[in-house]
Amino acid sequence: MTVHNLGLDNSIFNYFISELRNIEVQKDPMRFRKNLERIGEIMAYEISKGLEYKEQEIKTPFGSLSMSLMQEMPVLATILRAGLPLHQGLLNFFDRSENAFIAAYRKHHKDSTFEIKLHYMASPDLGGRTLILSDPMLASGKSMLLAYNELLCSGKPKHTHIVSVIASTQGVEFLKNNLAGNNCTLWVGAIDNELTSQSYIVPGLGDAGDLAFGQKLDI
């Protein structure tokens, strides 16, 4: 699996990442959501460079010309609820895409352990299509793998682009090991080295869903 870390290059992209991490800027949830959306747009632009193109004739009011245009819109999938702003950024650019949604949550136990549960999925036919699956945080990688496998119930994509803003080293290695041979590409904005026993990325940014939409009750 190829991994693209956009944060390794100097660009305004890293400014958006820095604001997501900044504990003071995080106090503005609208700003937090907007930065996730901006990052989704940049990811969409970068992913678009590797899609299939074909020359097409375009008529203008004064003539015509040939342009190389994308042949199909990818299907955009995200994991609720944290993935919604990042998904919107991707959708702003791939604005004719069909969409898929998966609801996942952490089922906490009394011994402080938890397991990841999926309880909703809606998707178009994915057979032979390009899929972009997004979630802001790639911690252990288990929820991303569960979501990917659930989406396969709707058909096997010809290529899957996985998009996360911040990943852990462990999460990246987990996906590499478990998605080898599945024709997947991983796009991230940063890779952090530490993962806590509760699967939170350090330094990370905290709980993206809570920062975007408010705190929730753990169940």
N, C-alpha and C. Protein backbone atom coordinates (compact mmCIF):
# COMPACT_ATOMS: atom_id res chain seq x y z
N MET A 1 0.85 -1.20 0.00
CA MET A 1 0.00 0.00 0.00
C MET A 1 0.88 1.24 0.00
N THR A 2 0.64 2.11 -0.95
CA THR A 2 1.38 3.37 -1.03
C THR A 2 0.84 4.36 0.00
N VAL A 3 1.74 5.07 0.69
CA VAL A 3 1.36 6.07 1.68
C VAL A 3 1.85 7.44 1.23
N HIS A 4 0.94 8.40 1.15
CA HIS A 4 1.29 9.79 0.82
C HIS A 4 1.07 10.64 2.06
N ASN A 5 2.15 11.23 2.58
CA ASN A 5 2.08 12.12 3.74
C ASN A 5 2.25 13.55 3.25
N LEU A 6 1.14 14.26 3.06
CA LEU A 6 1.18 15.61 2.49
C LEU A 6 1.83 16.61 3.44
N GLY A 7 1.90 16.29 4.73
CA GLY A 7 2.49 17.21 5.68
C GLY A 7 4.00 17.30 5.61
N LEU A 8 4.62 16.42 4.84
CA LEU A 8 6.08 16.46 4.70
C LEU A 8 6.54 17.61 3.80
N ASP A 9 5.64 18.16 3.00
CA ASP A 9 5.97 19.28 2.13
C ASP A 9 5.55 20.60 2.78
N ASN A 10 6.32 21.64 2.53
CA ASN A 10 5.96 22.96 3.04
C ASN A 10 4.83 23.56 2.21
N SER A 11 3.69 23.79 2.85
CA SER A 11 2.56 24.42 2.17
C SER A 11 1.58 24.92 3.21
N ILE A 12 0.55 25.62 2.78
CA ILE A 12 -0.48 26.11 3.70
C ILE A 12 -1.26 24.96 4.33
N PHE A 13 -1.16 23.78 3.72
CA PHE A 13 -1.79 22.58 4.27
C PHE A 13 -1.40 22.40 5.74
N ASN A 14 -0.13 22.58 6.07
CA ASN A 14 0.34 22.40 7.45
C ASN A 14 -0.22 23.46 8.39
N TYR A 15 -0.56 24.62 7.87
CA TYR A 15 -1.19 25.65 8.71
C TYR A 15 -2.56 25.16 9.18
N PHE A 16 -3.30 24.54 8.28
CA PHE A 16 -4.61 24.01 8.66
C PHE A 16 -4.46 22.89 9.69
N ILE A 17 -3.43 22.05 9.52
CA ILE A 17 -3.17 20.99 10.49
C ILE A 17 -2.82 21.59 11.86
N SER A 18 -2.01 22.65 11.85
CA SER A 18 -1.60 23.26 13.12
C SER A 18 -2.79 23.84 13.87
N GLU A 19 -3.74 24.42 13.14
CA GLU A 19 -4.93 24.96 13.81
C GLU A 19 -5.81 23.85 14.38
N LEU A 20 -5.88 22.71 13.68
CA LEU A 20 -6.63 21.58 14.22
C LEU A 20 -6.04 21.10 15.54
N ARG A 21 -4.71 21.13 15.65
CA ARG A 21 -4.03 20.64 16.85
C ARG A 21 -4.06 21.66 18.00
N ASN A 22 -4.13 22.93 17.67
CA ASN A 22 -3.97 24.01 18.65
C ASN A 22 -5.14 24.04 19.63
N ILE A 23 -4.83 23.86 20.92
CA ILE A 23 -5.86 23.76 21.94
C ILE A 23 -6.69 25.03 22.08
N GLU A 24 -6.11 26.19 21.72
CA GLU A 24 -6.86 27.45 21.78
C GLU A 24 -7.79 27.59 20.58
N VAL A 25 -7.30 27.28 19.40
CA VAL A 25 -8.13 27.38 18.20
C VAL A 25 -9.26 26.36 18.25
N GLN A 26 -9.02 25.23 18.92
CA GLN A 26 -10.04 24.18 19.03
C GLN A 26 -11.30 24.65 19.75
N LYS A 27 -11.22 25.76 20.47
CA LYS A 27 -12.39 26.26 21.19
C LYS A 27 -13.47 26.77 20.25
N ASP A 28 -13.12 26.96 18.99
CA ASP A 28 -14.08 27.40 17.97
C ASP A 28 -14.44 26.21 17.09
N PRO A 29 -15.56 25.53 17.37
CA PRO A 29 -15.90 24.33 16.61
C PRO A 29 -16.14 24.59 15.12
N MET A 30 -16.65 25.78 14.79
CA MET A 30 -16.87 26.09 13.39
C MET A 30 -15.53 26.16 12.64
N ARG A 31 -14.53 26.76 13.29
CA ARG A 31 -13.19 26.83 12.70
C ARG A 31 -12.60 25.43 12.55
N PHE A 32 -12.82 24.58 13.55
CA PHE A 32 -12.32 23.21 13.49
C PHE A 32 -12.94 22.47 12.30
N ARG A 33 -14.25 22.59 12.14
CA ARG A 33 -14.91 21.92 11.02
C ARG A 33 -14.42 22.47 9.68
N LYS A 34 -14.24 23.80 9.63
CA LYS A 34 -13.79 24.42 8.38
C LYS A 34 -12.40 23.94 7.99
N ASN A 35 -11.52 23.79 8.96
CA ASN A 35 -10.17 23.32 8.65
C ASN A 35 -10.18 21.87 8.16
N LEU A 36 -11.04 21.04 8.75
CA LEU A 36 -11.18 19.68 8.24
C LEU A 36 -11.68 19.70 6.80
N GLU A 37 -12.63 20.59 6.53
CA GLU A 37 -13.17 20.71 5.17
C GLU A 37 -12.09 21.16 4.19
N ARG A 38 -11.28 22.13 4.57
CA ARG A 38 -10.20 22.61 3.71
C ARG A 38 -9.21 21.49 3.40
N ILE A 39 -8.89 20.70 4.43
CA ILE A 39 -7.96 19.59 4.23
C ILE A 39 -8.56 18.57 3.28
N GLY A 40 -9.87 18.32 3.40
CA GLY A 40 -10.54 17.42 2.46
C GLY A 40 -10.44 17.91 1.03
N GLU A 41 -10.56 19.21 0.83
CA GLU A 41 -10.44 19.78 -0.51
C GLU A 41 -9.04 19.58 -1.08
N ILE A 42 -8.03 19.80 -0.25
CA ILE A 42 -6.66 19.61 -0.73
C ILE A 42 -6.41 18.15 -1.05
N MET A 43 -6.90 17.26 -0.21
CA MET A 43 -6.76 15.82 -0.47
C MET A 43 -7.45 15.44 -1.79
N ALA A 44 -8.63 16.00 -2.01
CA ALA A 44 -9.35 15.71 -3.25
C ALA A 44 -8.55 16.14 -4.47
N TYR A 45 -7.96 17.31 -4.40
CA TYR A 45 -7.14 17.81 -5.52
C TYR A 45 -5.97 16.87 -5.78
N GLU A 46 -5.28 16.45 -4.72
CA GLU A 46 -4.13 15.57 -4.89
C GLU A 46 -4.54 14.21 -5.44
N ILE A 47 -5.62 13.66 -4.93
CA ILE A 47 -6.10 12.36 -5.42
C ILE A 47 -6.52 12.44 -6.88
N SER A 48 -7.11 13.57 -7.27
CA SER A 48 -7.61 13.71 -8.64
C SER A 48 -6.52 13.57 -9.69
N LYS A 49 -5.28 13.86 -9.30
CA LYS A 49 -4.18 13.79 -10.27
C LYS A 49 -3.94 12.36 -10.76
N GLY A 50 -4.32 11.38 -9.97
CA GLY A 50 -4.06 9.99 -10.33
C GLY A 50 -5.25 9.24 -10.87
N LEU A 51 -6.37 9.93 -11.11
CA LEU A 51 -7.56 9.26 -11.66
C LEU A 51 -7.47 9.17 -13.18
N GLU A 52 -8.44 8.53 -13.78
CA GLU A 52 -8.42 8.29 -15.23
C GLU A 52 -8.96 9.50 -15.99
N TYR A 53 -8.24 9.87 -17.06
CA TYR A 53 -8.62 11.04 -17.87
C TYR A 53 -8.71 10.65 -19.34
N LYS A 54 -9.48 11.44 -20.07
CA LYS A 54 -9.65 11.22 -21.50
C LYS A 54 -9.87 12.56 -22.19
N GLU A 55 -9.32 12.69 -23.40
CA GLU A 55 -9.51 13.92 -24.16
C GLU A 55 -10.96 14.07 -24.60
N GLN A 56 -11.53 15.26 -24.36
CA GLN A 56 -12.89 15.54 -24.78
C GLN A 56 -12.95 16.91 -25.45
N GLU A 57 -13.85 17.03 -26.40
CA GLU A 57 -14.03 18.28 -27.13
C GLU A 57 -14.99 19.18 -26.35
N ILE A 58 -14.55 20.40 -26.10
CA ILE A 58 -15.36 21.37 -25.35
C ILE A 58 -15.68 22.55 -26.26
N LYS A 59 -16.96 22.91 -26.33
CA LYS A 59 -17.38 24.06 -27.12
C LYS A 59 -17.47 25.30 -26.22
N THR A 60 -16.92 26.39 -26.70
CA THR A 60 -17.01 27.67 -26.01
C THR A 60 -17.87 28.61 -26.85
N PRO A 61 -18.23 29.80 -26.36
CA PRO A 61 -19.01 30.73 -27.17
C PRO A 61 -18.28 31.17 -28.44
N PHE A 62 -16.94 30.96 -28.50
CA PHE A 62 -16.17 31.44 -29.64
C PHE A 62 -15.44 30.35 -30.41
N GLY A 63 -15.67 29.09 -30.05
CA GLY A 63 -14.98 28.02 -30.75
C GLY A 63 -15.03 26.73 -29.96
N SER A 64 -13.99 25.92 -30.11
CA SER A 64 -13.92 24.66 -29.39
C SER A 64 -12.46 24.29 -29.15
N LEU A 65 -12.26 23.40 -28.19
CA LEU A 65 -10.91 22.93 -27.88
C LEU A 65 -10.99 21.57 -27.23
N SER A 66 -9.87 20.87 -27.23
CA SER A 66 -9.80 19.55 -26.61
C SER A 66 -9.17 19.68 -25.23
N MET A 67 -9.80 19.03 -24.24
CA MET A 67 -9.29 19.06 -22.87
C MET A 67 -9.26 17.65 -22.30
N SER A 68 -8.29 17.38 -21.45
CA SER A 68 -8.20 16.09 -20.76
C SER A 68 -9.05 16.16 -19.50
N LEU A 69 -10.14 15.38 -19.44
CA LEU A 69 -11.09 15.47 -18.34
C LEU A 69 -11.24 14.12 -17.63
N MET A 70 -11.53 14.20 -16.34
CA MET A 70 -11.74 13.00 -15.53
C MET A 70 -12.92 12.20 -16.06
N GLN A 71 -12.76 10.88 -16.10
CA GLN A 71 -13.76 10.04 -16.72
C GLN A 71 -14.92 9.66 -15.80
N GLU A 72 -14.67 9.56 -14.50
CA GLU A 72 -15.75 9.23 -13.58
C GLU A 72 -15.48 9.83 -12.22
N MET A 73 -16.53 10.12 -11.52
CA MET A 73 -16.42 10.60 -10.15
C MET A 73 -16.24 9.41 -9.22
N PRO A 74 -15.32 9.51 -8.24
CA PRO A 74 -15.20 8.43 -7.26
C PRO A 74 -16.40 8.40 -6.33
N VAL A 75 -16.62 7.27 -5.68
CA VAL A 75 -17.61 7.19 -4.61
C VAL A 75 -16.94 7.66 -3.33
N LEU A 76 -17.60 8.53 -2.59
CA LEU A 76 -17.06 9.07 -1.34
C LEU A 76 -17.74 8.41 -0.16
N ALA A 77 -16.95 7.82 0.73
CA ALA A 77 -17.48 7.17 1.93
C ALA A 77 -16.82 7.77 3.16
N THR A 78 -17.57 7.86 4.25
CA THR A 78 -16.98 8.34 5.49
C THR A 78 -17.60 7.65 6.68
N ILE A 79 -16.90 7.76 7.82
CA ILE A 79 -17.35 7.15 9.06
C ILE A 79 -17.98 8.23 9.93
N LEU A 80 -19.24 8.05 10.27
CA LEU A 80 -19.95 9.03 11.10
C LEU A 80 -19.46 8.95 12.54
N ARG A 81 -19.43 10.08 13.26
CA ARG A 81 -19.84 11.40 12.84
C ARG A 81 -18.65 12.30 12.50
N ALA A 82 -17.48 11.91 13.04
CA ALA A 82 -16.29 12.76 12.92
C ALA A 82 -15.89 13.01 11.48
N GLY A 83 -16.22 12.08 10.58
CA GLY A 83 -15.78 12.20 9.20
C GLY A 83 -16.55 13.20 8.36
N LEU A 84 -17.65 13.73 8.87
CA LEU A 84 -18.52 14.56 8.03
C LEU A 84 -17.84 15.82 7.47
N PRO A 85 -17.12 16.63 8.25
CA PRO A 85 -16.50 17.82 7.66
C PRO A 85 -15.42 17.48 6.63
N LEU A 86 -14.62 16.45 6.89
CA LEU A 86 -13.60 16.02 5.94
C LEU A 86 -14.26 15.51 4.66
N HIS A 87 -15.33 14.76 4.83
CA HIS A 87 -16.11 14.27 3.69
C HIS A 87 -16.66 15.42 2.86
N GLN A 88 -17.14 16.47 3.54
CA GLN A 88 -17.69 17.62 2.81
C GLN A 88 -16.62 18.28 1.96
N GLY A 89 -15.39 18.37 2.48
CA GLY A 89 -14.32 18.94 1.68
C GLY A 89 -14.06 18.13 0.41
N LEU A 90 -14.04 16.82 0.53
CA LEU A 90 -13.88 15.96 -0.65
C LEU A 90 -15.05 16.16 -1.61
N LEU A 91 -16.26 16.26 -1.05
CA LEU A 91 -17.46 16.41 -1.88
C LEU A 91 -17.50 17.77 -2.56
N ASN A 92 -16.90 18.79 -1.97
CA ASN A 92 -16.85 20.11 -2.62
C ASN A 92 -16.16 20.03 -3.97
N PHE A 93 -15.16 19.16 -4.09
CA PHE A 93 -14.43 19.02 -5.35
C PHE A 93 -15.01 17.93 -6.23
N PHE A 94 -15.31 16.77 -5.63
CA PHE A 94 -15.95 15.68 -6.38
C PHE A 94 -17.47 15.83 -6.21
N ASP A 95 -18.00 16.92 -6.76
CA ASP A 95 -19.36 17.35 -6.42
C ASP A 95 -20.47 16.56 -7.10
N ARG A 96 -20.13 15.64 -7.98
CA ARG A 96 -21.14 14.78 -8.59
C ARG A 96 -21.01 13.33 -8.11
N SER A 97 -20.26 13.14 -7.07
CA SER A 97 -20.02 11.79 -6.57
C SER A 97 -21.23 11.23 -5.84
N GLU A 98 -21.37 9.90 -5.92
CA GLU A 98 -22.28 9.19 -5.03
C GLU A 98 -21.58 9.02 -3.69
N ASN A 99 -22.36 8.79 -2.64
CA ASN A 99 -21.82 8.79 -1.29
C ASN A 99 -22.21 7.54 -0.51
N ALA A 100 -21.34 7.15 0.41
CA ALA A 100 -21.61 6.04 1.32
C ALA A 100 -21.31 6.50 2.74
N PHE A 101 -22.07 5.97 3.71
CA PHE A 101 -21.90 6.37 5.10
C PHE A 101 -21.92 5.15 6.00
N ILE A 102 -21.03 5.16 7.00
CA ILE A 102 -20.94 4.08 7.97
C ILE A 102 -20.96 4.69 9.36
N ALA A 103 -21.78 4.14 10.24
CA ALA A 103 -21.81 4.58 11.63
C ALA A 103 -21.01 3.60 12.47
N ALA A 104 -20.02 4.12 13.20
CA ALA A 104 -19.18 3.29 14.07
C ALA A 104 -19.03 3.98 15.42
N TYR A 105 -18.85 3.19 16.45
CA TYR A 105 -18.64 3.76 17.78
C TYR A 105 -17.81 2.81 18.63
N ARG A 106 -17.26 3.36 19.72
CA ARG A 106 -16.50 2.55 20.67
C ARG A 106 -17.44 2.05 21.76
N LYS A 107 -17.54 0.73 21.92
CA LYS A 107 -18.31 0.12 23.00
C LYS A 107 -17.38 -0.09 24.18
N HIS A 108 -17.53 0.75 25.21
CA HIS A 108 -16.64 0.72 26.36
C HIS A 108 -17.08 -0.33 27.38
N HIS A 109 -16.09 -0.96 28.02
CA HIS A 109 -16.36 -1.96 29.05
C HIS A 109 -15.87 -1.46 30.40
N LYS A 110 -16.31 -2.11 31.45
CA LYS A 110 -15.99 -1.66 32.81
C LYS A 110 -14.50 -1.76 33.12
N ASP A 111 -13.79 -2.63 32.43
CA ASP A 111 -12.35 -2.78 32.68
C ASP A 111 -11.51 -1.80 31.88
N SER A 112 -12.18 -0.75 31.33
CA SER A 112 -11.54 0.33 30.56
C SER A 112 -11.13 -0.10 29.14
N THR A 113 -11.45 -1.32 28.77
CA THR A 113 -11.22 -1.74 27.38
C THR A 113 -12.43 -1.33 26.54
N PHE A 114 -12.30 -1.44 25.24
CA PHE A 114 -13.42 -1.14 24.35
C PHE A 114 -13.28 -1.95 23.08
N GLU A 115 -14.38 -2.05 22.37
CA GLU A 115 -14.37 -2.66 21.06
C GLU A 115 -15.12 -1.75 20.10
N ILE A 116 -14.80 -1.84 18.82
CA ILE A 116 -15.41 -0.97 17.82
C ILE A 116 -16.61 -1.69 17.21
N LYS A 117 -17.74 -1.02 17.21
CA LYS A 117 -18.98 -1.58 16.70
C LYS A 117 -19.46 -0.78 15.49
N LEU A 118 -19.94 -1.47 14.48
CA LEU A 118 -20.60 -0.85 13.34
C LEU A 118 -22.09 -1.17 13.42
N HIS A 119 -22.95 -0.16 13.19
CA HIS A 119 -24.38 -0.47 13.26
C HIS A 119 -25.20 0.18 12.16
N TYR A 120 -24.54 0.72 11.14
CA TYR A 120 -25.29 1.29 10.01
C TYR A 120 -24.35 1.45 8.83
N MET A 121 -24.85 1.11 7.64
CA MET A 121 -24.08 1.33 6.42
C MET A 121 -25.03 1.55 5.26
N ALA A 122 -24.78 2.59 4.49
CA ALA A 122 -25.55 2.86 3.27
C ALA A 122 -24.56 3.16 2.16
N SER A 123 -24.67 2.45 1.03
CA SER A 123 -23.67 2.61 -0.02
C SER A 123 -24.26 2.27 -1.38
N PRO A 124 -23.80 2.97 -2.43
CA PRO A 124 -24.13 2.55 -3.79
C PRO A 124 -23.29 1.34 -4.18
N ASP A 125 -23.51 0.82 -5.37
CA ASP A 125 -22.71 -0.28 -5.88
C ASP A 125 -21.27 0.19 -6.07
N LEU A 126 -20.32 -0.53 -5.49
CA LEU A 126 -18.91 -0.15 -5.55
C LEU A 126 -18.11 -1.00 -6.53
N GLY A 127 -18.73 -1.97 -7.14
CA GLY A 127 -18.02 -2.90 -8.01
C GLY A 127 -17.30 -2.20 -9.16
N GLY A 128 -15.97 -2.36 -9.21
CA GLY A 128 -15.18 -1.80 -10.30
C GLY A 128 -15.03 -0.29 -10.27
N ARG A 129 -15.36 0.36 -9.17
CA ARG A 129 -15.30 1.81 -9.10
C ARG A 129 -14.16 2.27 -8.20
N THR A 130 -13.88 3.58 -8.23
CA THR A 130 -12.89 4.17 -7.34
C THR A 130 -13.59 4.64 -6.07
N LEU A 131 -13.06 4.25 -4.93
CA LEU A 131 -13.65 4.59 -3.63
C LEU A 131 -12.68 5.47 -2.85
N ILE A 132 -13.20 6.52 -2.22
CA ILE A 132 -12.43 7.32 -1.28
C ILE A 132 -13.10 7.19 0.08
N LEU A 133 -12.40 6.57 1.03
CA LEU A 133 -12.91 6.35 2.38
C LEU A 133 -12.18 7.26 3.35
N SER A 134 -12.91 8.12 4.06
CA SER A 134 -12.26 9.14 4.90
C SER A 134 -12.69 9.04 6.35
N ASP A 135 -11.76 9.36 7.23
CA ASP A 135 -11.98 9.51 8.67
C ASP A 135 -10.82 10.35 9.19
N PRO A 136 -11.07 11.40 9.99
CA PRO A 136 -9.99 12.32 10.37
C PRO A 136 -8.81 11.67 11.08
N MET A 137 -9.10 10.66 11.95
CA MET A 137 -8.04 10.07 12.75
C MET A 137 -7.86 8.60 12.41
N LEU A 138 -6.63 8.20 12.15
CA LEU A 138 -6.29 6.80 11.95
C LEU A 138 -5.44 6.38 13.14
N ALA A 139 -6.09 5.87 14.17
CA ALA A 139 -5.40 5.52 15.41
C ALA A 139 -4.87 4.09 15.33
N SER A 140 -5.63 3.12 15.81
CA SER A 140 -5.20 1.73 15.70
C SER A 140 -5.37 1.20 14.28
N GLY A 141 -6.28 1.82 13.52
CA GLY A 141 -6.58 1.35 12.17
C GLY A 141 -7.71 0.35 12.11
N LYS A 142 -8.18 -0.12 13.27
CA LYS A 142 -9.19 -1.19 13.30
C LYS A 142 -10.54 -0.72 12.78
N SER A 143 -10.96 0.50 13.14
CA SER A 143 -12.25 0.99 12.66
C SER A 143 -12.22 1.21 11.15
N MET A 144 -11.09 1.67 10.63
CA MET A 144 -10.97 1.87 9.18
C MET A 144 -11.05 0.54 8.45
N LEU A 145 -10.39 -0.47 8.99
CA LEU A 145 -10.44 -1.80 8.36
C LEU A 145 -11.85 -2.38 8.42
N LEU A 146 -12.52 -2.22 9.57
CA LEU A 146 -13.90 -2.70 9.69
C LEU A 146 -14.81 -2.01 8.68
N ALA A 147 -14.64 -0.69 8.54
CA ALA A 147 -15.46 0.06 7.59
C ALA A 147 -15.19 -0.39 6.16
N TYR A 148 -13.92 -0.56 5.82
CA TYR A 148 -13.57 -1.02 4.47
C TYR A 148 -14.18 -2.38 4.18
N ASN A 149 -14.06 -3.31 5.11
CA ASN A 149 -14.62 -4.65 4.89
C ASN A 149 -16.13 -4.62 4.78
N GLU A 150 -16.76 -3.74 5.55
CA GLU A 150 -18.22 -3.61 5.46
C GLU A 150 -18.63 -3.08 4.09
N LEU A 151 -17.86 -2.13 3.56
CA LEU A 151 -18.17 -1.56 2.25
C LEU A 151 -18.04 -2.60 1.14
N LEU A 152 -17.20 -3.60 1.34
CA LEU A 152 -17.04 -4.64 0.32
C LEU A 152 -18.32 -5.44 0.09
N CYS A 153 -19.26 -5.34 1.04
CA CYS A 153 -20.57 -5.97 0.84
C CYS A 153 -21.31 -5.34 -0.34
N SER A 154 -20.91 -4.12 -0.71
CA SER A 154 -21.54 -3.42 -1.84
C SER A 154 -20.73 -3.55 -3.13
N GLY A 155 -19.74 -4.44 -3.14
CA GLY A 155 -18.92 -4.65 -4.33
C GLY A 155 -17.46 -4.30 -4.07
N LYS A 156 -16.57 -4.88 -4.84
CA LYS A 156 -15.14 -4.64 -4.67
C LYS A 156 -14.69 -3.49 -5.57
N PRO A 157 -14.19 -2.40 -4.99
CA PRO A 157 -13.70 -1.27 -5.81
C PRO A 157 -12.46 -1.67 -6.59
N LYS A 158 -12.23 -0.99 -7.71
CA LYS A 158 -10.99 -1.22 -8.44
C LYS A 158 -9.80 -0.58 -7.74
N HIS A 159 -10.06 0.49 -7.01
CA HIS A 159 -9.01 1.14 -6.20
C HIS A 159 -9.67 1.91 -5.06
N THR A 160 -9.04 1.85 -3.89
CA THR A 160 -9.55 2.57 -2.73
C THR A 160 -8.50 3.55 -2.22
N HIS A 161 -8.90 4.80 -2.06
CA HIS A 161 -8.05 5.82 -1.45
C HIS A 161 -8.57 6.04 -0.03
N ILE A 162 -7.72 5.82 0.96
CA ILE A 162 -8.08 6.04 2.36
C ILE A 162 -7.48 7.37 2.79
N VAL A 163 -8.32 8.24 3.35
CA VAL A 163 -7.91 9.60 3.69
C VAL A 163 -8.07 9.81 5.19
N SER A 164 -6.97 10.19 5.85
CA SER A 164 -7.00 10.58 7.26
C SER A 164 -6.15 11.83 7.44
N VAL A 165 -6.53 12.65 8.39
CA VAL A 165 -5.78 13.87 8.64
C VAL A 165 -4.53 13.56 9.47
N ILE A 166 -4.73 12.87 10.59
CA ILE A 166 -3.61 12.48 11.45
C ILE A 166 -3.67 10.98 11.70
N ALA A 167 -2.54 10.32 11.49
CA ALA A 167 -2.44 8.88 11.69
C ALA A 167 -1.37 8.58 12.72
N SER A 168 -1.47 7.41 13.32
CA SER A 168 -0.39 6.92 14.17
C SER A 168 0.49 5.98 13.33
N THR A 169 1.73 5.84 13.74
CA THR A 169 2.63 4.90 13.07
C THR A 169 2.04 3.49 13.11
N GLN A 170 1.46 3.13 14.27
CA GLN A 170 0.88 1.80 14.42
C GLN A 170 -0.30 1.59 13.47
N GLY A 171 -1.15 2.63 13.34
CA GLY A 171 -2.30 2.53 12.45
C GLY A 171 -1.90 2.36 11.00
N VAL A 172 -0.87 3.09 10.58
CA VAL A 172 -0.38 2.97 9.21
C VAL A 172 0.13 1.56 8.96
N GLU A 173 0.92 1.03 9.89
CA GLU A 173 1.47 -0.32 9.72
C GLU A 173 0.36 -1.37 9.75
N PHE A 174 -0.67 -1.15 10.59
CA PHE A 174 -1.80 -2.08 10.65
C PHE A 174 -2.50 -2.18 9.31
N LEU A 175 -2.76 -1.04 8.67
CA LEU A 175 -3.43 -1.06 7.37
C LEU A 175 -2.52 -1.66 6.30
N LYS A 176 -1.24 -1.34 6.34
CA LYS A 176 -0.31 -1.93 5.38
C LYS A 176 -0.35 -3.45 5.45
N ASN A 177 -0.38 -3.99 6.67
CA ASN A 177 -0.35 -5.43 6.85
C ASN A 177 -1.67 -6.10 6.48
N ASN A 178 -2.79 -5.39 6.71
CA ASN A 178 -4.10 -6.01 6.53
C ASN A 178 -4.76 -5.68 5.20
N LEU A 179 -4.22 -4.71 4.47
CA LEU A 179 -4.79 -4.37 3.17
C LEU A 179 -3.81 -4.62 2.03
N ALA A 180 -2.76 -5.35 2.32
CA ALA A 180 -1.80 -5.69 1.27
C ALA A 180 -2.51 -6.47 0.17
N GLY A 181 -2.29 -6.06 -1.06
CA GLY A 181 -2.91 -6.74 -2.19
C GLY A 181 -4.32 -6.30 -2.50
N ASN A 182 -4.83 -5.29 -1.76
CA ASN A 182 -6.20 -4.82 -1.98
C ASN A 182 -6.28 -3.57 -2.84
N ASN A 183 -5.17 -3.18 -3.44
CA ASN A 183 -5.15 -2.02 -4.33
C ASN A 183 -5.65 -0.76 -3.62
N CYS A 184 -4.97 -0.43 -2.51
CA CYS A 184 -5.34 0.73 -1.70
C CYS A 184 -4.19 1.73 -1.62
N THR A 185 -4.54 2.99 -1.48
CA THR A 185 -3.58 4.07 -1.26
C THR A 185 -4.00 4.84 -0.02
N LEU A 186 -3.04 5.15 0.85
CA LEU A 186 -3.33 5.91 2.07
C LEU A 186 -2.81 7.33 1.93
N TRP A 187 -3.68 8.31 2.23
CA TRP A 187 -3.33 9.73 2.21
C TRP A 187 -3.48 10.27 3.62
N VAL A 188 -2.42 10.89 4.16
CA VAL A 188 -2.46 11.45 5.51
C VAL A 188 -1.86 12.85 5.52
N GLY A 189 -2.19 13.59 6.57
CA GLY A 189 -1.62 14.92 6.74
C GLY A 189 -0.45 14.93 7.70
N ALA A 190 -0.39 13.94 8.59
CA ALA A 190 0.70 13.82 9.55
C ALA A 190 0.67 12.42 10.13
N ILE A 191 1.85 11.93 10.54
CA ILE A 191 1.96 10.63 11.20
C ILE A 191 2.66 10.85 12.54
N ASP A 192 1.95 10.55 13.64
CA ASP A 192 2.49 10.68 14.99
C ASP A 192 2.92 9.31 15.50
N ASN A 193 3.94 9.29 16.35
CA ASN A 193 4.56 8.02 16.74
C ASN A 193 3.88 7.32 17.91
N GLU A 194 3.17 8.06 18.77
CA GLU A 194 2.66 7.45 20.00
C GLU A 194 1.17 7.18 19.93
N LEU A 195 0.76 6.02 20.48
CA LEU A 195 -0.65 5.64 20.60
C LEU A 195 -0.86 5.16 22.02
N THR A 196 -1.84 5.75 22.74
CA THR A 196 -2.08 5.36 24.12
C THR A 196 -2.80 4.02 24.19
N SER A 197 -2.94 3.48 25.42
CA SER A 197 -3.64 2.21 25.62
C SER A 197 -5.12 2.32 25.26
N GLN A 198 -5.65 3.55 25.25
CA GLN A 198 -7.03 3.79 24.84
C GLN A 198 -7.15 4.17 23.38
N SER A 199 -6.05 3.97 22.64
CA SER A 199 -6.01 4.23 21.19
C SER A 199 -6.25 5.70 20.85
N TYR A 200 -5.64 6.60 21.63
CA TYR A 200 -5.62 8.01 21.26
C TYR A 200 -4.21 8.35 20.76
N ILE A 201 -4.16 9.13 19.67
CA ILE A 201 -2.88 9.49 19.06
C ILE A 201 -2.25 10.64 19.85
N VAL A 202 -0.94 10.53 20.10
CA VAL A 202 -0.17 11.56 20.81
C VAL A 202 0.97 12.04 19.91
N PRO A 203 1.12 13.37 19.68
CA PRO A 203 0.32 14.46 20.27
C PRO A 203 -1.08 14.60 19.69
N GLY A 204 -1.33 14.12 18.49
CA GLY A 204 -2.68 14.10 17.93
C GLY A 204 -3.38 15.44 18.00
N LEU A 205 -4.69 15.37 18.32
CA LEU A 205 -5.46 16.61 18.48
C LEU A 205 -6.63 16.43 19.44
N GLY A 206 -6.84 15.23 19.94
CA GLY A 206 -7.99 14.96 20.79
C GLY A 206 -9.05 14.19 20.03
N ASP A 207 -10.29 14.32 20.46
CA ASP A 207 -11.42 13.63 19.84
C ASP A 207 -12.02 14.52 18.75
N ALA A 208 -11.79 14.16 17.49
CA ALA A 208 -12.23 15.01 16.37
C ALA A 208 -13.74 15.17 16.34
N GLY A 209 -14.47 14.11 16.66
CA GLY A 209 -15.93 14.20 16.65
C GLY A 209 -16.45 15.17 17.69
N ASP A 210 -15.89 15.10 18.91
CA ASP A 210 -16.31 16.01 19.97
C ASP A 210 -15.95 17.45 19.64
N LEU A 211 -14.76 17.67 19.09
CA LEU A 211 -14.32 19.02 18.76
C LEU A 211 -15.16 19.63 17.64
N ALA A 212 -15.64 18.81 16.73
CA ALA A 212 -16.45 19.30 15.61
C ALA A 212 -17.91 19.50 15.99
N PHE A 213 -18.44 18.59 16.83
CA PHE A 213 -19.89 18.57 17.04
C PHE A 213 -20.34 18.59 18.50
N GLY A 214 -19.40 18.61 19.44
CA GLY A 214 -19.77 18.62 20.85
C GLY A 214 -19.59 17.25 21.49
N GLN A 215 -19.46 17.25 22.81
CA GLN A 215 -19.21 16.00 23.53
C GLN A 215 -20.42 15.09 23.50
N LYS A 216 -20.14 13.80 23.59
CA LYS A 216 -21.17 12.78 23.57
C LYS A 216 -21.06 11.92 24.82
N LEU A 217 -22.11 11.20 25.14
CA LEU A 217 -22.07 10.23 26.22
C LEU A 217 -21.41 8.96 25.73
N ASP A 218 -20.50 8.40 26.50
CA ASP A 218 -19.91 7.12 26.15
C ASP A 218 -20.89 6.01 26.53
N ILE A 219 -21.04 5.05 25.61
CA ILE A 219 -22.00 3.95 25.87
C ILE A 219 -21.28 2.63 25.81
